[in-house]
Amino acid sequence: MESIRELFRICNGPSSSHTVGPKKAAEQYLARHPQAEGFRVTLYGSLAATGKGHLTDAAILSVLSPAAPTEIVWKPEVVLSFHPNGMLYEAFENGEFIDPWTIFSVGGGALANEYTQKAKPVDIYPLTTIEDILQWCKREGKTFWEYVEDFEGTEIWDFLATIWQTMRETIERGLNNDGVLPGGLKVSRKASTYMVKANSFNESLSGRSRLYAYALATSEENASGGIVVTAPTCGSSGVLPAVLYSITTTRNVAPIRVLRALATAGLFGNIAKTNASISGAEVGCQGEVGVACAMAAAAACQLFGGTPSQIEYAAEMALEHFLGLTCDPVCGLVQIPCIERNAVAAARALDANLYATLSDGNHMVGYDKVVKVMNETGLDMPSLYRETAEGGLAKNYSHPHK
């Protein structure tokens, strides 16, 4: 299993799979053909279906257009077998297109195809299931963050410190920004008003309102193309930071404890990424917001003193109750219902933490089983519910401004 450095990525929104991945692919292809007279990029499946709303073309053109004229070809009806987010890059040299390169954006900004899949990944962790890691914890008398440290090295804390700083800065920026989000849906930013209203409530309602505000702040920054941290994706980037920010601003939490909670969250996200998928185009929003909720629940449970078994229970419960969640972004934008889902998932993460902490940690269904079911459910889900904007809310929402 790869490093959690491959899960937490600092990048611009609005979509890790639809903007970060394609932009990275464009950069790699330009490096192969710096003197090309032109480029042609064909987008397939989900990338083509929701690419305009996700700014896929803008991300690619920002790299290739300054070098040479670039044509974008949209083929949403063609879904390649490797992954729904397919791209074909071609360079125009000496009067013809050459060097066709098919690559896939597989979620969280990562790229892959049949050749990279065959190459041996840089594995950091010898164990790839939470069940096995739990046994390791019991045998060694350690917990999840120590498993991360043992195999990532102590330098992982500097990396996570940068991740946490970026998450905080995104929230604080989002809380102070107002206006309408780009894209045409005329969705107004709400984070700042939620914070203002939170001050008029009692302590319990105020805490929940602030949590919503923190999640909205990051999600709105993401929707406007701002800097976020994939956790595990751009579209679900508001959940984990909101939960951690909420806890650290209301309780005396040492900075190192927050980083350890981030390490645990990354481990649970990595398990889902390795054994299933975090791509909405592949398994629906259960792989994005569902996994983000599991990561946040695990982090919260650790911060509240949960045992490894209770932490695993919190993560399992958080993901289990998002099973079957579709990815149906209206107009292909990461706004409706994505932004609200981040706020709801942040609240559900804290609920899962409380439920698990009240228990002794014993339960019937393990996190690994839920990850497996999530993958099966996603693959059984019709493509119109997997980030194609052809079904669900994307199809049935009536745009009042049209």
Protein backbone atom coordinates (compact mmCIF):
# COMPACT_ATOMS: atom_id res chain seq x y z
CA MET A 1 0.00 0.00 0.00
CA GLU A 2 1.31 3.42 -1.00
CA SER A 3 2.16 6.34 1.25
CA ILE A 4 -0.60 8.59 2.55
CA ARG A 5 1.34 11.36 0.81
CA GLU A 6 -0.39 10.06 -2.33
CA LEU A 7 -3.80 10.55 -0.67
CA PHE A 8 -3.44 14.04 0.82
CA ARG A 9 -2.63 16.40 -2.07
CA ILE A 10 -2.62 20.19 -2.01
CA CYS A 11 -4.24 21.43 -5.20
CA ASN A 12 -6.80 23.70 -6.82
CA GLY A 13 -10.44 22.63 -6.94
CA PRO A 14 -13.00 21.84 -8.04
CA SER A 15 -12.28 18.18 -8.82
CA SER A 16 -9.25 16.01 -8.19
CA SER A 17 -10.29 13.48 -10.82
CA HIS A 18 -11.60 15.95 -13.39
CA THR A 19 -9.10 18.82 -13.07
CA VAL A 20 -6.05 17.78 -11.06
CA GLY A 21 -5.56 14.46 -12.86
CA PRO A 22 -6.07 15.82 -16.41
CA LYS A 23 -3.80 18.79 -15.70
CA LYS A 24 -1.07 16.46 -14.44
CA ALA A 25 -1.49 14.29 -17.54
CA ALA A 26 -1.18 17.36 -19.77
CA GLU A 27 2.03 18.36 -18.01
CA GLN A 28 3.51 14.90 -18.51
CA TYR A 29 2.52 14.80 -22.17
CA LEU A 30 3.89 18.28 -22.85
CA ALA A 31 7.21 17.17 -21.37
CA ARG A 32 7.25 14.38 -23.98
CA HIS A 33 6.50 16.78 -26.86
CA PRO A 34 7.75 20.26 -25.97
CA GLN A 35 8.18 21.18 -29.66
CA ALA A 36 4.81 19.91 -30.90
CA GLU A 37 2.94 22.06 -33.42
CA GLY A 38 -0.39 21.20 -31.84
CA PHE A 39 -2.24 18.83 -29.52
CA ARG A 40 -5.50 16.92 -29.58
CA VAL A 41 -7.04 15.62 -26.36
CA THR A 42 -10.05 13.31 -26.49
CA LEU A 43 -12.07 12.97 -23.30
CA TYR A 44 -14.22 9.88 -22.69
CA GLY A 45 -17.00 8.81 -20.36
CA SER A 46 -17.42 10.79 -17.15
CA LEU A 47 -14.60 13.19 -18.02
CA ALA A 48 -16.48 14.23 -21.12
CA ALA A 49 -19.96 14.11 -19.55
CA THR A 50 -19.18 16.51 -16.69
CA GLY A 51 -15.88 17.96 -17.88
CA LYS A 52 -17.19 21.41 -18.77
CA GLY A 53 -18.72 21.89 -15.32
CA HIS A 54 -15.62 20.48 -13.65
CA LEU A 55 -13.31 22.71 -15.75
CA THR A 56 -11.50 19.71 -17.25
CA ASP A 57 -10.90 21.51 -20.54
CA ALA A 58 -9.68 24.63 -18.74
CA ALA A 59 -7.18 22.56 -16.72
CA ILE A 60 -5.78 20.89 -19.83
CA LEU A 61 -5.70 24.04 -21.92
CA SER A 62 -3.90 25.96 -19.17
CA VAL A 63 -0.95 23.62 -19.76
CA LEU A 64 -1.02 22.85 -23.49
CA SER A 65 -2.41 26.02 -25.11
CA PRO A 66 0.58 28.23 -24.21
CA ALA A 67 2.80 25.71 -26.00
CA ALA A 68 0.69 25.01 -29.11
CA PRO A 69 -2.90 25.13 -30.42
CA THR A 70 -4.95 22.47 -28.65
CA GLU A 71 -8.22 20.81 -29.64
CA ILE A 72 -10.49 19.18 -27.06
CA VAL A 73 -12.74 16.38 -28.35
CA TRP A 74 -15.69 15.31 -26.18
CA LYS A 75 -16.93 11.70 -26.33
CA PRO A 76 -19.19 11.12 -23.30
CA GLU A 77 -20.87 8.17 -24.99
CA VAL A 78 -17.59 6.21 -25.15
CA VAL A 79 -16.55 4.59 -21.88
CA LEU A 80 -13.19 2.83 -21.95
CA SER A 81 -12.90 -0.42 -20.04
CA PHE A 82 -10.06 0.52 -17.67
CA HIS A 83 -11.87 3.42 -15.95
CA PRO A 84 -14.68 5.89 -16.80
CA ASN A 85 -12.28 8.86 -16.69
CA GLY A 86 -10.34 8.20 -19.90
CA MET A 87 -8.17 10.61 -21.92
CA LEU A 88 -6.32 10.25 -25.22
CA TYR A 89 -3.44 12.66 -25.81
CA GLU A 90 -1.97 13.13 -29.31
CA ALA A 91 0.76 15.47 -30.55
CA PHE A 92 0.72 17.07 -34.02
CA GLU A 93 4.16 17.01 -35.62
CA ASN A 94 5.29 17.02 -39.28
CA GLY A 95 1.74 17.09 -40.59
CA GLU A 96 0.28 14.22 -38.56
CA PHE A 97 -0.85 13.23 -35.08
CA ILE A 98 1.63 10.95 -33.36
CA ASP A 99 2.31 9.19 -30.07
CA PRO A 100 -1.25 8.43 -28.88
CA TRP A 101 -1.24 8.15 -25.09
CA THR A 102 -4.31 6.84 -23.27
CA ILE A 103 -4.32 7.61 -19.56
CA PHE A 104 -7.00 7.58 -16.86
CA SER A 105 -7.70 9.90 -13.94
CA VAL A 106 -8.60 7.34 -11.28
CA GLY A 107 -9.46 9.59 -8.33
CA GLY A 108 -7.69 11.88 -5.90
CA GLY A 109 -5.57 13.32 -8.71
CA ALA A 110 -3.87 9.98 -9.45
CA LEU A 111 -3.17 8.73 -12.99
CA ALA A 112 -3.05 5.13 -14.21
CA ASN A 113 -3.42 2.87 -17.22
CA GLU A 114 -2.76 -0.79 -18.01
CA TYR A 115 0.99 -0.17 -18.12
CA THR A 116 1.31 1.70 -14.83
CA GLN A 117 -0.93 -0.93 -13.25
CA LYS A 118 1.58 -3.60 -14.21
CA ALA A 119 4.45 -1.61 -12.77
CA LYS A 120 5.17 -2.33 -9.15
CA PRO A 121 3.94 0.58 -6.98
CA VAL A 122 6.10 2.03 -4.24
CA ASP A 123 4.62 0.16 -1.31
CA ILE A 124 5.14 1.67 2.14
CA TYR A 125 2.83 -0.52 4.18
CA PRO A 126 3.05 -4.33 4.35
CA LEU A 127 -0.56 -4.69 5.58
CA THR A 128 -3.50 -3.61 3.43
CA THR A 129 -6.57 -4.36 5.58
CA ILE A 130 -7.74 -2.73 8.77
CA GLU A 131 -8.35 -6.18 10.27
CA ASP A 132 -4.68 -7.07 9.87
CA ILE A 133 -3.58 -3.66 11.14
CA LEU A 134 -5.83 -4.05 14.19
CA GLN A 135 -4.12 -7.35 14.95
CA TRP A 136 -0.76 -5.59 14.58
CA CYS A 137 -1.93 -2.92 17.03
CA LYS A 138 -2.94 -5.53 19.59
CA ARG A 139 0.30 -7.47 19.15
CA GLU A 140 2.54 -4.39 19.38
CA GLY A 141 0.48 -2.48 21.94
CA LYS A 142 0.26 0.44 19.51
CA THR A 143 -2.46 2.31 17.64
CA PHE A 144 -3.09 3.34 14.05
CA TRP A 145 -1.00 6.51 13.97
CA GLU A 146 1.99 4.55 15.27
CA TYR A 147 1.55 2.10 12.41
CA VAL A 148 1.77 5.07 10.04
CA GLU A 149 4.87 6.43 11.75
CA ASP A 150 6.59 3.05 11.81
CA PHE A 151 6.38 2.69 8.03
CA GLU A 152 6.35 6.31 6.82
CA GLY A 153 9.13 7.49 9.15
CA THR A 154 9.10 10.49 11.46
CA GLU A 155 9.34 12.87 8.49
CA ILE A 156 5.64 12.19 7.88
CA TRP A 157 4.85 14.69 10.64
CA ASP A 158 6.36 17.61 8.74
CA PHE A 159 4.27 16.64 5.73
CA LEU A 160 1.08 16.39 7.79
CA ALA A 161 1.86 19.70 9.49
CA THR A 162 1.79 21.34 6.05
CA ILE A 163 -1.44 19.52 5.20
CA TRP A 164 -3.10 20.70 8.42
CA GLN A 165 -1.92 24.28 7.93
CA THR A 166 -3.36 24.29 4.41
CA MET A 167 -6.67 22.89 5.65
CA ARG A 168 -6.93 25.61 8.29
CA GLU A 169 -6.06 28.36 5.82
CA THR A 170 -8.72 27.12 3.39
CA ILE A 171 -11.40 27.19 6.09
CA GLU A 172 -10.41 30.65 7.28
CA ARG A 173 -10.34 31.95 3.71
CA GLY A 174 -13.74 30.43 3.00
CA LEU A 175 -15.29 31.91 6.13
CA ASN A 176 -14.35 35.38 4.97
CA ASN A 177 -15.41 35.09 1.34
CA ASP A 178 -18.86 36.05 0.07
CA GLY A 179 -20.55 36.17 -3.31
CA VAL A 180 -21.82 33.75 -5.93
CA LEU A 181 -19.91 30.64 -6.97
CA PRO A 182 -18.86 30.43 -10.64
CA GLY A 183 -20.55 28.09 -13.10
CA GLY A 184 -24.00 29.51 -13.79
CA LEU A 185 -26.08 27.87 -11.04
CA LYS A 186 -25.88 31.13 -9.06
CA VAL A 187 -25.16 29.30 -5.80
CA SER A 188 -24.36 31.80 -3.07
CA ARG A 189 -21.62 31.18 -0.55
CA LYS A 190 -23.13 30.41 2.87
CA ALA A 191 -20.18 29.72 5.20
CA SER A 192 -19.88 33.27 6.53
CA THR A 193 -23.60 33.64 7.27
CA TYR A 194 -23.69 30.24 9.01
CA MET A 195 -20.89 31.45 11.28
CA VAL A 196 -22.74 34.68 12.07
CA LYS A 197 -25.98 32.83 12.87
CA ALA A 198 -24.10 30.30 15.02
CA ASN A 199 -23.41 33.03 17.57
CA SER A 200 -27.14 33.44 18.32
CA PHE A 201 -27.74 29.79 19.22
CA ASN A 202 -27.21 27.87 22.44
CA GLU A 203 -23.96 25.96 22.91
CA SER A 204 -25.13 22.71 21.33
CA LEU A 205 -26.70 24.26 18.24
CA SER A 206 -23.88 26.76 17.92
CA GLY A 207 -21.29 23.97 17.78
CA ARG A 208 -23.19 22.12 15.06
CA SER A 209 -23.72 25.35 13.10
CA ARG A 210 -20.02 26.15 13.23
CA LEU A 211 -19.22 22.64 12.03
CA TYR A 212 -21.48 23.21 9.02
CA ALA A 213 -19.79 26.55 8.39
CA TYR A 214 -16.32 25.00 8.39
CA ALA A 215 -17.37 22.29 5.92
CA LEU A 216 -19.10 24.84 3.70
CA ALA A 217 -16.05 27.12 3.81
CA THR A 218 -13.76 24.47 2.32
CA SER A 219 -16.34 23.13 -0.14
CA GLU A 220 -17.13 26.61 -1.41
CA GLU A 221 -13.44 27.37 -1.82
CA ASN A 222 -13.13 24.13 -3.77
CA ALA A 223 -16.11 24.98 -6.00
CA SER A 224 -14.49 28.31 -6.87
CA GLY A 225 -11.17 26.69 -7.81
CA GLY A 226 -9.37 27.62 -4.60
CA ILE A 227 -6.59 25.74 -2.82
CA VAL A 228 -7.80 22.65 -0.93
CA VAL A 229 -6.43 19.34 0.30
CA THR A 230 -7.81 16.14 -1.22
CA ALA A 231 -9.27 14.20 1.70
CA PRO A 232 -9.64 11.89 -0.10
CA THR A 233 -10.81 13.99 -3.10
CA CYS A 234 -11.49 17.62 -3.91
CA GLY A 235 -15.25 17.05 -3.98
CA SER A 236 -15.14 15.64 -0.44
CA SER A 237 -12.42 17.94 0.88
CA GLY A 238 -14.66 19.75 3.37
CA VAL A 239 -15.45 16.88 5.74
CA LEU A 240 -12.21 16.01 7.54
CA PRO A 241 -10.94 19.60 7.94
CA ALA A 242 -14.30 20.70 9.36
CA VAL A 243 -14.30 17.98 12.01
CA LEU A 244 -10.69 18.62 13.04
CA TYR A 245 -11.13 22.41 13.04
CA SER A 246 -14.29 22.10 15.13
CA ILE A 247 -12.57 19.94 17.74
CA THR A 248 -9.39 22.01 17.93
CA THR A 249 -11.20 25.33 18.28
CA THR A 250 -13.37 24.14 21.16
CA ARG A 251 -10.94 21.95 23.09
CA ASN A 252 -7.34 22.12 24.22
CA VAL A 253 -5.75 19.77 21.69
CA ALA A 254 -1.97 19.63 21.32
CA PRO A 255 -0.86 20.16 17.68
CA ILE A 256 0.89 16.76 17.52
CA ARG A 257 -2.36 15.04 18.46
CA VAL A 258 -4.08 16.63 15.47
CA LEU A 259 -1.32 15.37 13.17
CA ARG A 260 -1.69 11.88 14.64
CA ALA A 261 -5.43 12.04 13.97
CA LEU A 262 -4.65 13.07 10.38
CA ALA A 263 -2.34 10.06 10.06
CA THR A 264 -5.11 7.74 11.23
CA ALA A 265 -7.60 9.37 8.87
CA GLY A 266 -5.15 8.94 6.00
CA LEU A 267 -4.69 5.27 6.83
CA PHE A 268 -8.44 4.57 6.63
CA GLY A 269 -8.72 6.56 3.41
CA ASN A 270 -5.77 4.68 1.96
CA ILE A 271 -7.39 1.32 2.72
CA ALA A 272 -10.49 2.37 0.77
CA LYS A 273 -8.39 3.72 -2.10
CA THR A 274 -6.29 0.54 -2.26
CA ASN A 275 -9.03 -2.07 -1.91
CA ALA A 276 -11.89 -0.25 -3.64
CA SER A 277 -11.99 3.27 -5.11
CA ILE A 278 -12.29 6.93 -4.14
CA SER A 279 -13.46 7.93 -7.63
CA GLY A 280 -17.02 9.17 -7.97
CA ALA A 281 -16.94 8.17 -11.64
CA GLU A 282 -16.18 4.59 -10.63
CA VAL A 283 -18.18 3.95 -7.43
CA GLY A 284 -20.34 7.03 -6.90
CA CYS A 285 -20.21 9.57 -4.10
CA GLN A 286 -19.98 6.81 -1.49
CA GLY A 287 -16.32 6.59 -2.50
CA GLU A 288 -15.81 10.32 -1.98
CA VAL A 289 -18.04 11.73 0.76
CA GLY A 290 -18.54 8.28 2.30
CA VAL A 291 -14.82 7.64 2.64
CA ALA A 292 -14.25 11.22 3.80
CA CYS A 293 -16.82 10.67 6.55
CA ALA A 294 -15.06 7.46 7.62
CA MET A 295 -11.71 9.27 7.73
CA ALA A 296 -13.18 12.09 9.82
CA ALA A 297 -14.94 9.69 12.20
CA ALA A 298 -11.71 7.77 12.78
CA ALA A 299 -9.79 10.99 13.43
CA ALA A 300 -12.43 12.30 15.84
CA CYS A 301 -12.65 9.03 17.75
CA GLN A 302 -8.89 9.00 18.25
CA LEU A 303 -8.91 12.61 19.49
CA PHE A 304 -11.64 11.71 21.99
CA GLY A 305 -9.59 8.83 23.38
CA GLY A 306 -11.05 5.91 21.46
CA THR A 307 -9.33 2.54 21.40
CA PRO A 308 -8.24 1.07 18.06
CA SER A 309 -11.39 -1.06 18.01
CA GLN A 310 -13.61 1.95 18.70
CA ILE A 311 -11.79 3.97 16.03
CA GLU A 312 -12.36 1.20 13.50
CA TYR A 313 -16.02 1.00 14.53
CA ALA A 314 -16.50 4.74 14.05
CA ALA A 315 -14.99 4.60 10.55
CA GLU A 316 -16.99 1.51 9.62
CA MET A 317 -20.27 3.04 10.75
CA ALA A 318 -19.58 6.31 8.96
CA LEU A 319 -18.95 4.58 5.63
CA GLU A 320 -21.66 1.95 6.02
CA HIS A 321 -24.44 4.52 6.14
CA PHE A 322 -23.27 6.18 2.93
CA LEU A 323 -23.40 2.93 0.95
CA GLY A 324 -25.19 3.41 -2.36
CA LEU A 325 -24.74 7.20 -2.45
CA THR A 326 -24.82 8.34 -6.07
CA CYS A 327 -22.67 10.98 -7.73
CA ASP A 328 -25.13 13.20 -9.58
CA PRO A 329 -23.72 16.75 -9.78
CA VAL A 330 -26.13 19.27 -11.25
CA CYS A 331 -24.72 20.74 -14.48
CA GLY A 332 -21.51 18.81 -13.80
CA LEU A 333 -20.53 21.39 -11.15
CA VAL A 334 -19.14 20.41 -7.75
CA GLN A 335 -21.88 22.43 -6.03
CA ILE A 336 -25.32 20.80 -5.90
CA PRO A 337 -25.58 18.47 -3.98
CA CYS A 338 -21.84 18.21 -3.26
CA ILE A 339 -21.40 21.18 -0.93
CA GLU A 340 -24.30 20.26 1.37
CA ARG A 341 -23.14 16.65 1.46
CA ASN A 342 -19.81 17.72 2.94
CA ALA A 343 -21.59 19.54 5.78
CA VAL A 344 -23.93 16.63 6.50
CA ALA A 345 -21.04 14.14 6.38
CA ALA A 346 -19.04 16.19 8.89
CA ALA A 347 -21.95 16.02 11.33
CA ARG A 348 -22.41 12.32 10.71
CA ALA A 349 -18.72 11.71 11.39
CA LEU A 350 -19.09 13.20 14.87
CA ASP A 351 -22.22 11.12 15.43
CA ALA A 352 -20.37 7.95 14.44
CA ASN A 353 -17.55 8.89 16.80
CA LEU A 354 -19.96 9.33 19.73
CA TYR A 355 -21.81 6.10 19.00
CA ALA A 356 -18.56 4.12 18.76
CA THR A 357 -17.05 5.75 21.85
CA LEU A 358 -20.11 4.78 23.92
CA SER A 359 -19.63 1.15 22.83
CA ASP A 360 -16.90 -1.29 23.79
CA GLY A 361 -15.73 -1.37 20.17
CA ASN A 362 -17.20 -4.80 19.38
CA HIS A 363 -19.51 -4.95 16.37
CA MET A 364 -20.61 -7.35 13.65
CA VAL A 365 -19.44 -5.76 10.37
CA GLY A 366 -15.83 -4.65 9.93
CA TYR A 367 -14.50 -1.70 7.95
CA ASP A 368 -12.85 -3.96 5.36
CA LYS A 369 -16.18 -5.65 4.63
CA VAL A 370 -17.91 -2.30 4.13
CA VAL A 371 -15.12 -1.18 1.78
CA LYS A 372 -15.63 -4.37 -0.22
CA VAL A 373 -19.39 -3.84 -0.36
CA MET A 374 -18.88 -0.20 -1.36
CA ASN A 375 -16.80 -1.32 -4.32
CA GLU A 376 -19.36 -3.95 -5.37
CA THR A 377 -22.22 -1.48 -4.99
CA GLY A 378 -20.42 1.14 -7.04
CA LEU A 379 -19.67 -1.26 -9.89
CA ASP A 380 -23.32 -2.40 -9.90
CA MET A 381 -24.55 1.19 -10.01
CA PRO A 382 -25.75 2.34 -13.46
CA SER A 383 -23.33 4.77 -15.09
CA LEU A 384 -25.89 7.59 -15.04
CA TYR A 385 -25.39 7.72 -11.25
CA ARG A 386 -21.59 7.82 -11.44
CA GLU A 387 -20.54 11.39 -12.20
CA THR A 388 -22.05 11.60 -15.66
CA ALA A 389 -24.79 14.15 -14.78
CA GLU A 390 -27.27 11.93 -16.64
CA GLY A 391 -29.37 10.77 -13.69
CA GLY A 392 -30.56 11.58 -10.19
CA LEU A 393 -30.56 15.23 -9.17
CA ALA A 394 -28.52 16.16 -12.24
CA LYS A 395 -31.36 15.03 -14.49
CA ASN A 396 -34.35 16.06 -12.39
CA TYR A 397 -33.23 19.40 -10.98
CA SER A 398 -34.92 22.31 -12.72
CA HIS A 399 -32.53 25.26 -13.00
CA PRO A 400 -34.59 28.34 -11.97
CA HIS A 401 -32.20 30.77 -13.68
CA LYS A 402 -32.54 29.29 -17.14
